[in-house]
């Protein structure tokens, strides 16, 4: 058995003459997207872990909903590991961005407590 752990920048320099049975990609979604593009071209089966979009881990909130092979799946219930070549990463990354504004506001409320009332021009709390 041949195992090679590497970073994405080294991944394009595949070892000559080696056969790869599977690639496991775990990390930011943008990285996993580009790994799957490369491994699809090289015909290497690829498993991705969609932990980055999970919120509650129970399937109740729906934040981890994604399309896998044209079907709706929930990372926390149906995964988090999926065939990377079937994941719609563009849609998953778009869904991930939906919560950024609210997360930022919650962080400011946490860090600054009741003293933050917007007006900073960044959080939208003044609107």
C-alpha atoms as a PDB file:
ATOM      1  CA  UNK A   1       0.000   0.000   0.000  1.00  0.00           C
ATOM      2  CA  UNK A   2       1.334   3.411  -0.977  1.00  0.00           C
ATOM      3  CA  UNK A   3       0.187   6.399   1.050  1.00  0.00           C
ATOM      4  CA  UNK A   4       1.160   9.953   0.306  1.00  0.00           C
ATOM      5  CA  UNK A   5       0.070  12.914   2.372  1.00  0.00           C
ATOM      6  CA  UNK A   6       0.711  16.235   0.719  1.00  0.00           C
ATOM      7  CA  UNK A   7      -0.395  19.811   0.411  1.00  0.00           C
ATOM      8  CA  UNK A   8      -2.307  20.947  -2.648  1.00  0.00           C
ATOM      9  CA  UNK A   9       0.614  22.803  -4.180  1.00  0.00           C
ATOM     10  CA  UNK A  10       2.623  19.548  -4.248  1.00  0.00           C
ATOM     11  CA  UNK A  11      -0.305  17.471  -5.455  1.00  0.00           C
ATOM     12  CA  UNK A  12       0.087  18.453  -9.088  1.00  0.00           C
ATOM     13  CA  UNK A  13       3.519  16.810  -9.089  1.00  0.00           C
ATOM     14  CA  UNK A  14       2.287  13.220  -8.948  1.00  0.00           C
ATOM     15  CA  UNK A  15       4.921  10.540  -8.439  1.00  0.00           C
ATOM     16  CA  UNK A  16       5.791   9.067 -11.821  1.00  0.00           C
ATOM     17  CA  UNK A  17       4.683   5.459 -12.223  1.00  0.00           C
ATOM     18  CA  UNK A  18       2.593   5.373  -9.049  1.00  0.00           C
ATOM     19  CA  UNK A  19      -1.023   4.242  -9.049  1.00  0.00           C
ATOM     20  CA  UNK A  20      -3.387   6.051  -6.707  1.00  0.00           C
ATOM     21  CA  UNK A  21      -6.456   4.133  -5.515  1.00  0.00           C
ATOM     22  CA  UNK A  22      -8.173   7.043  -3.808  1.00  0.00           C
ATOM     23  CA  UNK A  23      -7.672  10.636  -2.741  1.00  0.00           C
ATOM     24  CA  UNK A  24      -9.112  11.955   0.520  1.00  0.00           C
ATOM     25  CA  UNK A  25      -9.439  15.748   0.640  1.00  0.00           C
ATOM     26  CA  UNK A  26     -10.178  17.503   3.922  1.00  0.00           C
ATOM     27  CA  UNK A  27      -9.949  21.266   4.266  1.00  0.00           C
ATOM     28  CA  UNK A  28     -11.483  24.477   2.978  1.00  0.00           C
ATOM     29  CA  UNK A  29     -14.144  23.994   0.314  1.00  0.00           C
ATOM     30  CA  UNK A  30     -12.233  25.954  -2.316  1.00  0.00           C
ATOM     31  CA  UNK A  31      -9.260  23.624  -1.863  1.00  0.00           C
ATOM     32  CA  UNK A  32     -11.445  20.508  -2.069  1.00  0.00           C
ATOM     33  CA  UNK A  33     -13.077  21.875  -5.225  1.00  0.00           C
ATOM     34  CA  UNK A  34      -9.749  22.230  -7.012  1.00  0.00           C
ATOM     35  CA  UNK A  35      -8.488  18.859  -5.745  1.00  0.00           C
ATOM     36  CA  UNK A  36     -11.583  17.189  -7.221  1.00  0.00           C
ATOM     37  CA  UNK A  37     -11.108  18.982 -10.539  1.00  0.00           C
ATOM     38  CA  UNK A  38      -7.567  17.610 -10.742  1.00  0.00           C
ATOM     39  CA  UNK A  39      -8.399  14.092  -9.538  1.00  0.00           C
ATOM     40  CA  UNK A  40     -11.327  13.827 -11.941  1.00  0.00           C
ATOM     41  CA  UNK A  41      -8.971  14.618 -14.805  1.00  0.00           C
ATOM     42  CA  UNK A  42      -6.547  11.966 -13.469  1.00  0.00           C
ATOM     43  CA  UNK A  43      -9.428   9.497 -12.877  1.00  0.00           C
ATOM     44  CA  UNK A  44      -8.648   9.118  -9.172  1.00  0.00           C
ATOM     45  CA  UNK A  45     -11.710   8.468  -6.961  1.00  0.00           C
ATOM     46  CA  UNK A  46     -11.920  11.255  -4.391  1.00  0.00           C
ATOM     47  CA  UNK A  47     -13.612  11.480  -1.021  1.00  0.00           C
ATOM     48  CA  UNK A  48     -14.248  14.926   0.477  1.00  0.00           C
ATOM     49  CA  UNK A  49     -15.300  15.818   4.002  1.00  0.00           C
ATOM     50  CA  UNK A  50     -17.999  18.484   4.061  1.00  0.00           C
ATOM     51  CA  UNK A  51     -17.503  19.395   7.732  1.00  0.00           C
ATOM     52  CA  UNK A  52     -16.925  23.080   6.839  1.00  0.00           C
ATOM     53  CA  UNK A  53     -20.647  23.635   6.213  1.00  0.00           C
ATOM     54  CA  UNK A  54     -21.984  21.789   9.255  1.00  0.00           C
ATOM     55  CA  UNK A  55     -23.592  23.819  12.045  1.00  0.00           C
ATOM     56  CA  UNK A  56     -25.660  21.739  14.466  1.00  0.00           C
ATOM     57  CA  UNK A  57     -24.897  18.151  13.430  1.00  0.00           C
ATOM     58  CA  UNK A  58     -28.516  16.995  13.650  1.00  0.00           C
ATOM     59  CA  UNK A  59     -30.024  17.942  10.289  1.00  0.00           C
ATOM     60  CA  UNK A  60     -32.460  20.346  11.965  1.00  0.00           C
ATOM     61  CA  UNK A  61     -31.105  23.678  10.728  1.00  0.00           C
ATOM     62  CA  UNK A  62     -30.480  22.807   7.080  1.00  0.00           C
ATOM     63  CA  UNK A  63     -27.296  24.880   6.888  1.00  0.00           C
ATOM     64  CA  UNK A  64     -25.332  21.887   5.621  1.00  0.00           C
ATOM     65  CA  UNK A  65     -27.662  21.156   2.717  1.00  0.00           C
ATOM     66  CA  UNK A  66     -25.776  20.479  -0.484  1.00  0.00           C
ATOM     67  CA  UNK A  67     -26.227  18.875  -3.880  1.00  0.00           C
ATOM     68  CA  UNK A  68     -24.418  15.597  -4.451  1.00  0.00           C
ATOM     69  CA  UNK A  69     -24.937  13.946  -7.802  1.00  0.00           C
ATOM     70  CA  UNK A  70     -28.042  16.060  -8.400  1.00  0.00           C
ATOM     71  CA  UNK A  71     -29.633  14.999  -5.097  1.00  0.00           C
ATOM     72  CA  UNK A  72     -30.139  17.063  -1.951  1.00  0.00           C
ATOM     73  CA  UNK A  73     -28.015  15.762   0.922  1.00  0.00           C
ATOM     74  CA  UNK A  74     -27.255  17.008   4.432  1.00  0.00           C
ATOM     75  CA  UNK A  75     -23.589  16.798   5.436  1.00  0.00           C
ATOM     76  CA  UNK A  76     -24.372  16.165   9.093  1.00  0.00           C
ATOM     77  CA  UNK A  77     -26.843  13.330   8.430  1.00  0.00           C
ATOM     78  CA  UNK A  78     -25.848  11.820   5.075  1.00  0.00           C
ATOM     79  CA  UNK A  79     -22.111  12.486   5.361  1.00  0.00           C
ATOM     80  CA  UNK A  80     -19.921  14.289   6.055  1.00  0.00           C
ATOM     81  CA  UNK A  81     -17.891  12.238   3.539  1.00  0.00           C
ATOM     82  CA  UNK A  82     -19.045  12.267  -0.087  1.00  0.00           C
ATOM     83  CA  UNK A  83     -17.757  11.426  -3.553  1.00  0.00           C
ATOM     84  CA  UNK A  84     -15.981  14.673  -4.347  1.00  0.00           C
ATOM     85  CA  UNK A  85     -16.652  14.383  -8.058  1.00  0.00           C
ATOM     86  CA  UNK A  86     -20.403  14.558  -7.390  1.00  0.00           C
ATOM     87  CA  UNK A  87     -20.449  17.535  -4.980  1.00  0.00           C
ATOM     88  CA  UNK A  88     -21.652  20.881  -6.353  1.00  0.00           C
ATOM     89  CA  UNK A  89     -18.953  22.978  -4.679  1.00  0.00           C
ATOM     90  CA  UNK A  90     -20.086  26.262  -6.227  1.00  0.00           C
ATOM     91  CA  UNK A  91     -23.529  25.930  -4.649  1.00  0.00           C
ATOM     92  CA  UNK A  92     -22.075  24.732  -1.334  1.00  0.00           C
ATOM     93  CA  UNK A  93     -19.700  27.705  -1.154  1.00  0.00           C
ATOM     94  CA  UNK A  94     -22.511  30.092  -2.024  1.00  0.00           C
ATOM     95  CA  UNK A  95     -24.651  28.637   0.772  1.00  0.00           C
ATOM     96  CA  UNK A  96     -21.712  28.918   3.188  1.00  0.00           C
ATOM     97  CA  UNK A  97     -21.508  32.661   2.513  1.00  0.00           C
ATOM     98  CA  UNK A  98     -25.164  33.190   3.486  1.00  0.00           C
ATOM     99  CA  UNK A  99     -24.307  33.202   7.189  1.00  0.00           C
ATOM    100  CA  UNK A 100     -21.239  35.440   7.145  1.00  0.00           C
ATOM    101  CA  UNK A 101     -23.074  38.701   7.862  1.00  0.00           C
ATOM    102  CA  UNK A 102     -25.023  37.277  10.788  1.00  0.00           C
ATOM    103  CA  UNK A 103     -21.905  35.563  12.157  1.00  0.00           C
ATOM    104  CA  UNK A 104     -20.046  38.889  12.034  1.00  0.00           C
ATOM    105  CA  UNK A 105     -22.823  40.690  13.884  1.00  0.00           C
ATOM    106  CA  UNK A 106     -22.950  37.951  16.517  1.00  0.00           C
ATOM    107  CA  UNK A 107     -19.178  38.168  16.991  1.00  0.00           C
ATOM    108  CA  UNK A 108     -19.355  41.945  17.501  1.00  0.00           C
ATOM    109  CA  UNK A 109     -22.187  41.512  20.015  1.00  0.00           C
ATOM    110  CA  UNK A 110     -20.127  38.911  21.835  1.00  0.00           C
ATOM    111  CA  UNK A 111     -16.900  40.940  21.807  1.00  0.00           C
ATOM    112  CA  UNK A 112     -18.410  44.325  22.581  1.00  0.00           C
ATOM    113  CA  UNK A 113     -21.542  43.315  24.434  1.00  0.00           C
ATOM    114  CA  UNK A 114     -24.316  45.873  24.775  1.00  0.00           C
ATOM    115  CA  UNK A 115     -21.943  48.685  23.804  1.00  0.00           C
ATOM    116  CA  UNK A 116     -22.083  47.835  20.085  1.00  0.00           C
ATOM    117  CA  UNK A 117     -25.097  49.466  18.431  1.00  0.00           C
ATOM    118  CA  UNK A 118     -23.911  49.596  14.862  1.00  0.00           C
ATOM    119  CA  UNK A 119     -22.527  52.779  13.410  1.00  0.00           C
ATOM    120  CA  UNK A 120     -19.198  51.136  12.714  1.00  0.00           C
ATOM    121  CA  UNK A 121     -20.079  50.966   9.057  1.00  0.00           C
ATOM    122  CA  UNK A 122     -19.137  47.299   8.867  1.00  0.00           C
ATOM    123  CA  UNK A 123     -21.793  45.243  10.606  1.00  0.00           C
ATOM    124  CA  UNK A 124     -24.999  46.706   9.177  1.00  0.00           C
ATOM    125  CA  UNK A 125     -26.343  47.108  12.703  1.00  0.00           C
ATOM    126  CA  UNK A 126     -27.095  50.778  12.083  1.00  0.00           C
ATOM    127  CA  UNK A 127     -29.638  49.984   9.359  1.00  0.00           C
END
